[in-house]
Amino acid sequence: MAYVARKVVEQAGINVDELVELLVKNASAELTTYYYYTILRANLIGLEGEGLKEIAEVARIEDRNHFEALIPRIYELDGKLPDCMKEFHDISACPPANLPEDPTDVKAILEVLVKAERCAVYGYTRLCNMTAGKDHRTYDLVLAILNEEIEHESWFSEFLGEGPSGHFMRRGESSPFVSKFLR
């Protein structure tokens, strides 16, 4: 499979090594964000924090789903994940979403969350631009992830008072755009 998938993408004019590198770095960002969001969510307490906990949980679970959805495409293109988890963490396309110095500062946690989502939006936009009209399978996947990352960013930015986005918290199925890649 890797031979055909890789060859087709190369013939479309994409540098497959660069594409795989970006996919691996974004997979790292998704898995590390899942980890850091676990810590951030646990610290969303009190009157202000409890209202954000469910939204942070949806973004956290969907980031794990993004990681799971990226892996098959990486291997289809003859890529692989690093053998060492620390190395994998350190190549992340986005910086760690660390708990702020004051873990009770809900606004500071929100700023960490929105910064992480904005990094993801930039990363997936770059991948969409790279694959549009050339690598339909990767494009479809990264566009689905981009749609969910945009929603995550909008939810957190609204809580920061940056204005309405028109996006609403989802109920029911998580990862509505990415779920087809998880079957």
C-alpha atoms as a PDB file:
ATOM      1  CA  MET A   1       0.000   0.000   0.000  1.00  0.00           C
ATOM      2  CA  ALA A   2       2.698   2.488   0.943  1.00  0.00           C
ATOM      3  CA  TYR A   3       4.334   2.167  -2.452  1.00  0.00           C
ATOM      4  CA  VAL A   4       1.213   3.075  -4.433  1.00  0.00           C
ATOM      5  CA  ALA A   5       0.009   5.810  -2.059  1.00  0.00           C
ATOM      6  CA  ARG A   6       3.432   7.400  -1.908  1.00  0.00           C
ATOM      7  CA  LYS A   7       3.978   7.184  -5.674  1.00  0.00           C
ATOM      8  CA  VAL A   8       0.607   8.768  -6.480  1.00  0.00           C
ATOM      9  CA  VAL A   9       1.271  11.662  -4.101  1.00  0.00           C
ATOM     10  CA  GLU A  10       4.791  12.158  -5.495  1.00  0.00           C
ATOM     11  CA  GLN A  11       3.426  12.161  -9.052  1.00  0.00           C
ATOM     12  CA  ALA A  12       1.003  14.901  -7.999  1.00  0.00           C
ATOM     13  CA  GLY A  13       4.003  17.098  -7.196  1.00  0.00           C
ATOM     14  CA  ILE A  14       4.117  16.866  -3.418  1.00  0.00           C
ATOM     15  CA  ASN A  15       7.340  16.321  -1.502  1.00  0.00           C
ATOM     16  CA  VAL A  16       6.161  13.235   0.378  1.00  0.00           C
ATOM     17  CA  ASP A  17       8.983  13.325   2.921  1.00  0.00           C
ATOM     18  CA  GLU A  18       7.993  16.874   3.887  1.00  0.00           C
ATOM     19  CA  LEU A  19       4.313  15.908   3.989  1.00  0.00           C
ATOM     20  CA  VAL A  20       4.973  12.904   6.226  1.00  0.00           C
ATOM     21  CA  GLU A  21       7.169  15.016   8.504  1.00  0.00           C
ATOM     22  CA  LEU A  22       4.351  17.555   8.916  1.00  0.00           C
ATOM     23  CA  LEU A  23       1.789  14.815   9.515  1.00  0.00           C
ATOM     24  CA  VAL A  24       3.991  13.241  12.201  1.00  0.00           C
ATOM     25  CA  LYS A  25       4.592  16.619  13.869  1.00  0.00           C
ATOM     26  CA  ASN A  26       0.858  17.307  13.875  1.00  0.00           C
ATOM     27  CA  ALA A  27       0.133  13.818  15.231  1.00  0.00           C
ATOM     28  CA  SER A  28       2.576  14.641  18.020  1.00  0.00           C
ATOM     29  CA  ALA A  29       0.795  17.921  18.667  1.00  0.00           C
ATOM     30  CA  GLU A  30      -2.541  16.096  18.911  1.00  0.00           C
ATOM     31  CA  LEU A  31      -1.317  13.463  21.351  1.00  0.00           C
ATOM     32  CA  THR A  32       0.601  15.913  23.522  1.00  0.00           C
ATOM     33  CA  THR A  33      -2.352  18.311  23.516  1.00  0.00           C
ATOM     34  CA  TYR A  34      -4.567  15.445  24.676  1.00  0.00           C
ATOM     35  CA  TYR A  35      -2.172  14.955  27.592  1.00  0.00           C
ATOM     36  CA  TYR A  36      -1.851  18.651  28.482  1.00  0.00           C
ATOM     37  CA  TYR A  37      -5.610  19.223  28.123  1.00  0.00           C
ATOM     38  CA  THR A  38      -6.128  16.455  30.688  1.00  0.00           C
ATOM     39  CA  ILE A  39      -4.142  18.519  33.183  1.00  0.00           C
ATOM     40  CA  LEU A  40      -5.786  21.803  32.180  1.00  0.00           C
ATOM     41  CA  ARG A  41      -9.275  20.298  32.420  1.00  0.00           C
ATOM     42  CA  ALA A  42      -8.554  18.894  35.882  1.00  0.00           C
ATOM     43  CA  ASN A  43      -7.680  22.418  37.034  1.00  0.00           C
ATOM     44  CA  LEU A  44     -10.847  24.020  35.694  1.00  0.00           C
ATOM     45  CA  ILE A  45     -12.592  24.226  39.048  1.00  0.00           C
ATOM     46  CA  GLY A  46     -14.755  26.685  40.909  1.00  0.00           C
ATOM     47  CA  LEU A  47     -17.582  28.795  39.603  1.00  0.00           C
ATOM     48  CA  GLU A  48     -15.752  29.938  36.466  1.00  0.00           C
ATOM     49  CA  GLY A  49     -13.870  26.747  35.692  1.00  0.00           C
ATOM     50  CA  GLU A  50     -16.735  24.277  35.902  1.00  0.00           C
ATOM     51  CA  GLY A  51     -18.489  25.964  32.975  1.00  0.00           C
ATOM     52  CA  LEU A  52     -15.472  25.328  30.765  1.00  0.00           C
ATOM     53  CA  LYS A  53     -14.721  21.781  31.849  1.00  0.00           C
ATOM     54  CA  GLU A  54     -17.107  20.102  29.394  1.00  0.00           C
ATOM     55  CA  ILE A  55     -15.829  22.158  26.451  1.00  0.00           C
ATOM     56  CA  ALA A  56     -12.218  21.390  27.336  1.00  0.00           C
ATOM     57  CA  GLU A  57     -13.160  17.708  27.564  1.00  0.00           C
ATOM     58  CA  VAL A  58     -14.714  17.697  24.088  1.00  0.00           C
ATOM     59  CA  ALA A  59     -11.605  19.342  22.619  1.00  0.00           C
ATOM     60  CA  ARG A  60      -9.387  16.894  24.531  1.00  0.00           C
ATOM     61  CA  ILE A  61     -11.205  13.805  23.249  1.00  0.00           C
ATOM     62  CA  GLU A  62     -11.338  15.162  19.709  1.00  0.00           C
ATOM     63  CA  ASP A  63      -7.591  15.839  19.757  1.00  0.00           C
ATOM     64  CA  ARG A  64      -7.051  12.191  20.668  1.00  0.00           C
ATOM     65  CA  ASN A  65      -9.318  11.264  17.752  1.00  0.00           C
ATOM     66  CA  HIS A  66      -7.239  13.476  15.452  1.00  0.00           C
ATOM     67  CA  PHE A  67      -4.122  11.600  16.519  1.00  0.00           C
ATOM     68  CA  GLU A  68      -5.817   8.266  15.818  1.00  0.00           C
ATOM     69  CA  ALA A  69      -7.039   9.452  12.408  1.00  0.00           C
ATOM     70  CA  LEU A  70      -3.605  10.709  11.319  1.00  0.00           C
ATOM     71  CA  ILE A  71      -1.715   7.493  12.059  1.00  0.00           C
ATOM     72  CA  PRO A  72      -3.045   5.363   9.169  1.00  0.00           C
ATOM     73  CA  ARG A  73      -2.230   8.077   6.630  1.00  0.00           C
ATOM     74  CA  ILE A  74       1.303   8.452   7.970  1.00  0.00           C
ATOM     75  CA  TYR A  75       1.898   4.730   7.504  1.00  0.00           C
ATOM     76  CA  GLU A  76       0.114   4.667   4.117  1.00  0.00           C
ATOM     77  CA  LEU A  77       2.704   7.192   2.934  1.00  0.00           C
ATOM     78  CA  ASP A  78       5.521   4.963   4.222  1.00  0.00           C
ATOM     79  CA  GLY A  79       6.098   7.106   7.298  1.00  0.00           C
ATOM     80  CA  LYS A  80       6.303   6.042  10.923  1.00  0.00           C
ATOM     81  CA  LEU A  81       6.214   7.442  14.412  1.00  0.00           C
ATOM     82  CA  PRO A  82       9.425   7.844  16.415  1.00  0.00           C
ATOM     83  CA  ASP A  83      10.258   4.870  18.635  1.00  0.00           C
ATOM     84  CA  CYS A  84      10.786   7.121  21.670  1.00  0.00           C
ATOM     85  CA  MET A  85       7.825   8.945  23.255  1.00  0.00           C
ATOM     86  CA  LYS A  86      10.045  11.789  24.500  1.00  0.00           C
ATOM     87  CA  GLU A  87      11.375  12.320  20.981  1.00  0.00           C
ATOM     88  CA  PHE A  88       7.788  12.240  19.680  1.00  0.00           C
ATOM     89  CA  HIS A  89       6.749  14.869  22.252  1.00  0.00           C
ATOM     90  CA  ASP A  90       9.670  17.112  21.360  1.00  0.00           C
ATOM     91  CA  ILE A  91       8.886  17.240  17.604  1.00  0.00           C
ATOM     92  CA  SER A  92       5.349  18.527  18.170  1.00  0.00           C
ATOM     93  CA  ALA A  93       4.132  21.066  15.627  1.00  0.00           C
ATOM     94  CA  CYS A  94       2.851  23.171  18.540  1.00  0.00           C
ATOM     95  CA  PRO A  95       4.406  24.148  21.858  1.00  0.00           C
ATOM     96  CA  PRO A  96       3.220  22.363  25.016  1.00  0.00           C
ATOM     97  CA  ALA A  97      -0.098  23.596  26.416  1.00  0.00           C
ATOM     98  CA  ASN A  98       1.330  23.811  29.912  1.00  0.00           C
ATOM     99  CA  LEU A  99      -0.688  24.677  32.978  1.00  0.00           C
ATOM    100  CA  PRO A 100      -0.150  28.372  33.745  1.00  0.00           C
ATOM    101  CA  GLU A 101       1.892  29.429  36.753  1.00  0.00           C
ATOM    102  CA  ASP A 102      -1.304  30.091  38.719  1.00  0.00           C
ATOM    103  CA  PRO A 103      -3.454  26.978  38.167  1.00  0.00           C
ATOM    104  CA  THR A 104      -6.498  28.741  39.645  1.00  0.00           C
ATOM    105  CA  ASP A 105      -6.436  31.481  36.989  1.00  0.00           C
ATOM    106  CA  VAL A 106      -9.215  30.339  34.635  1.00  0.00           C
ATOM    107  CA  LYS A 107      -8.529  33.157  32.167  1.00  0.00           C
ATOM    108  CA  ALA A 108      -4.868  32.096  31.937  1.00  0.00           C
ATOM    109  CA  ILE A 109      -5.981  28.498  31.300  1.00  0.00           C
ATOM    110  CA  LEU A 110      -8.320  29.755  28.569  1.00  0.00           C
ATOM    111  CA  GLU A 111      -5.447  31.660  26.978  1.00  0.00           C
ATOM    112  CA  VAL A 112      -3.375  28.450  26.921  1.00  0.00           C
ATOM    113  CA  LEU A 113      -6.293  26.567  25.337  1.00  0.00           C
ATOM    114  CA  VAL A 114      -6.956  29.173  22.644  1.00  0.00           C
ATOM    115  CA  LYS A 115      -3.247  29.482  21.816  1.00  0.00           C
ATOM    116  CA  ALA A 116      -3.021  25.704  21.330  1.00  0.00           C
ATOM    117  CA  GLU A 117      -6.068  25.696  19.062  1.00  0.00           C
ATOM    118  CA  ARG A 118      -4.738  28.583  16.982  1.00  0.00           C
ATOM    119  CA  CYS A 119      -1.467  26.744  16.465  1.00  0.00           C
ATOM    120  CA  ALA A 120      -3.442  23.715  15.251  1.00  0.00           C
ATOM    121  CA  VAL A 121      -5.511  25.859  12.867  1.00  0.00           C
ATOM    122  CA  TYR A 122      -2.321  27.251  11.295  1.00  0.00           C
ATOM    123  CA  GLY A 123      -0.786  23.782  11.015  1.00  0.00           C
ATOM    124  CA  TYR A 124      -3.780  22.167   9.347  1.00  0.00           C
ATOM    125  CA  THR A 125      -4.296  25.138   7.057  1.00  0.00           C
ATOM    126  CA  ARG A 126      -0.714  24.655   5.871  1.00  0.00           C
ATOM    127  CA  LEU A 127      -1.372  20.968   5.241  1.00  0.00           C
ATOM    128  CA  CYS A 128      -4.593  21.772   3.367  1.00  0.00           C
ATOM    129  CA  ASN A 129      -2.746  24.261   1.170  1.00  0.00           C
ATOM    130  CA  MET A 130      -0.021  21.698   0.483  1.00  0.00           C
ATOM    131  CA  THR A 131      -2.399  18.882  -0.491  1.00  0.00           C
ATOM    132  CA  ALA A 132      -5.352  20.699  -2.114  1.00  0.00           C
ATOM    133  CA  GLY A 133      -6.043  19.293  -5.554  1.00  0.00           C
ATOM    134  CA  LYS A 134      -3.031  16.948  -5.323  1.00  0.00           C
ATOM    135  CA  ASP A 135      -3.466  14.445  -2.500  1.00  0.00           C
ATOM    136  CA  HIS A 136      -7.193  13.979  -2.063  1.00  0.00           C
ATOM    137  CA  ARG A 137      -7.037  11.496   0.822  1.00  0.00           C
ATOM    138  CA  THR A 138      -4.703  13.568   2.986  1.00  0.00           C
ATOM    139  CA  TYR A 139      -6.564  16.758   2.080  1.00  0.00           C
ATOM    140  CA  ASP A 140      -9.905  15.259   3.113  1.00  0.00           C
ATOM    141  CA  LEU A 141      -8.426  14.127   6.426  1.00  0.00           C
ATOM    142  CA  VAL A 142      -6.654  17.361   7.339  1.00  0.00           C
ATOM    143  CA  LEU A 143      -9.641  19.457   6.245  1.00  0.00           C
ATOM    144  CA  ALA A 144     -11.864  17.436   8.589  1.00  0.00           C
ATOM    145  CA  ILE A 145      -9.411  18.016  11.446  1.00  0.00           C
ATOM    146  CA  LEU A 146      -9.141  21.719  10.551  1.00  0.00           C
ATOM    147  CA  ASN A 147     -12.928  22.100  10.804  1.00  0.00           C
ATOM    148  CA  GLU A 148     -12.911  20.697  14.323  1.00  0.00           C
ATOM    149  CA  GLU A 149      -9.890  22.767  15.396  1.00  0.00           C
ATOM    150  CA  ILE A 150     -11.634  25.929  14.171  1.00  0.00           C
ATOM    151  CA  GLU A 151     -14.634  25.050  16.323  1.00  0.00           C
ATOM    152  CA  HIS A 152     -12.423  24.436  19.362  1.00  0.00           C
ATOM    153  CA  GLU A 153     -10.690  27.782  18.874  1.00  0.00           C
ATOM    154  CA  SER A 154     -14.026  29.576  18.531  1.00  0.00           C
ATOM    155  CA  TRP A 155     -15.408  28.063  21.742  1.00  0.00           C
ATOM    156  CA  PHE A 156     -12.417  29.166  23.792  1.00  0.00           C
ATOM    157  CA  SER A 157     -12.110  32.603  22.169  1.00  0.00           C
ATOM    158  CA  GLU A 158     -15.766  33.344  22.959  1.00  0.00           C
ATOM    159  CA  PHE A 159     -15.068  32.704  26.648  1.00  0.00           C
ATOM    160  CA  LEU A 160     -12.240  35.225  26.400  1.00  0.00           C
ATOM    161  CA  GLY A 161     -14.788  37.768  25.165  1.00  0.00           C
ATOM    162  CA  GLU A 162     -13.363  38.035  21.648  1.00  0.00           C
ATOM    163  CA  GLY A 163     -16.852  38.114  20.136  1.00  0.00           C
ATOM    164  CA  PRO A 164     -19.418  35.652  18.891  1.00  0.00           C
ATOM    165  CA  SER A 165     -18.337  32.960  16.456  1.00  0.00           C
ATOM    166  CA  GLY A 166     -21.620  31.371  15.465  1.00  0.00           C
ATOM    167  CA  HIS A 167     -20.314  27.961  16.603  1.00  0.00           C
ATOM    168  CA  PHE A 168     -22.192  26.030  19.243  1.00  0.00           C
ATOM    169  CA  MET A 169     -21.077  23.321  21.616  1.00  0.00           C
ATOM    170  CA  ARG A 170     -21.781  19.903  20.155  1.00  0.00           C
ATOM    171  CA  ARG A 171     -24.023  17.399  21.830  1.00  0.00           C
ATOM    172  CA  GLY A 172     -23.761  13.692  21.180  1.00  0.00           C
ATOM    173  CA  GLU A 173     -21.235  12.417  18.661  1.00  0.00           C
ATOM    174  CA  SER A 174     -17.703  13.670  19.081  1.00  0.00           C
ATOM    175  CA  SER A 175     -15.533  14.421  16.072  1.00  0.00           C
ATOM    176  CA  PRO A 176     -18.370  14.838  13.558  1.00  0.00           C
ATOM    177  CA  PHE A 177     -15.932  15.733  10.763  1.00  0.00           C
ATOM    178  CA  VAL A 178     -13.200  13.217  11.641  1.00  0.00           C
ATOM    179  CA  SER A 179     -15.357  10.255  12.715  1.00  0.00           C
ATOM    180  CA  LYS A 180     -15.422   8.772   9.204  1.00  0.00           C
ATOM    181  CA  PHE A 181     -11.645   8.287   9.453  1.00  0.00           C
ATOM    182  CA  LEU A 182     -11.967   6.380  12.721  1.00  0.00           C
ATOM    183  CA  ARG A 183     -14.088   3.510  11.392  1.00  0.00           C
END
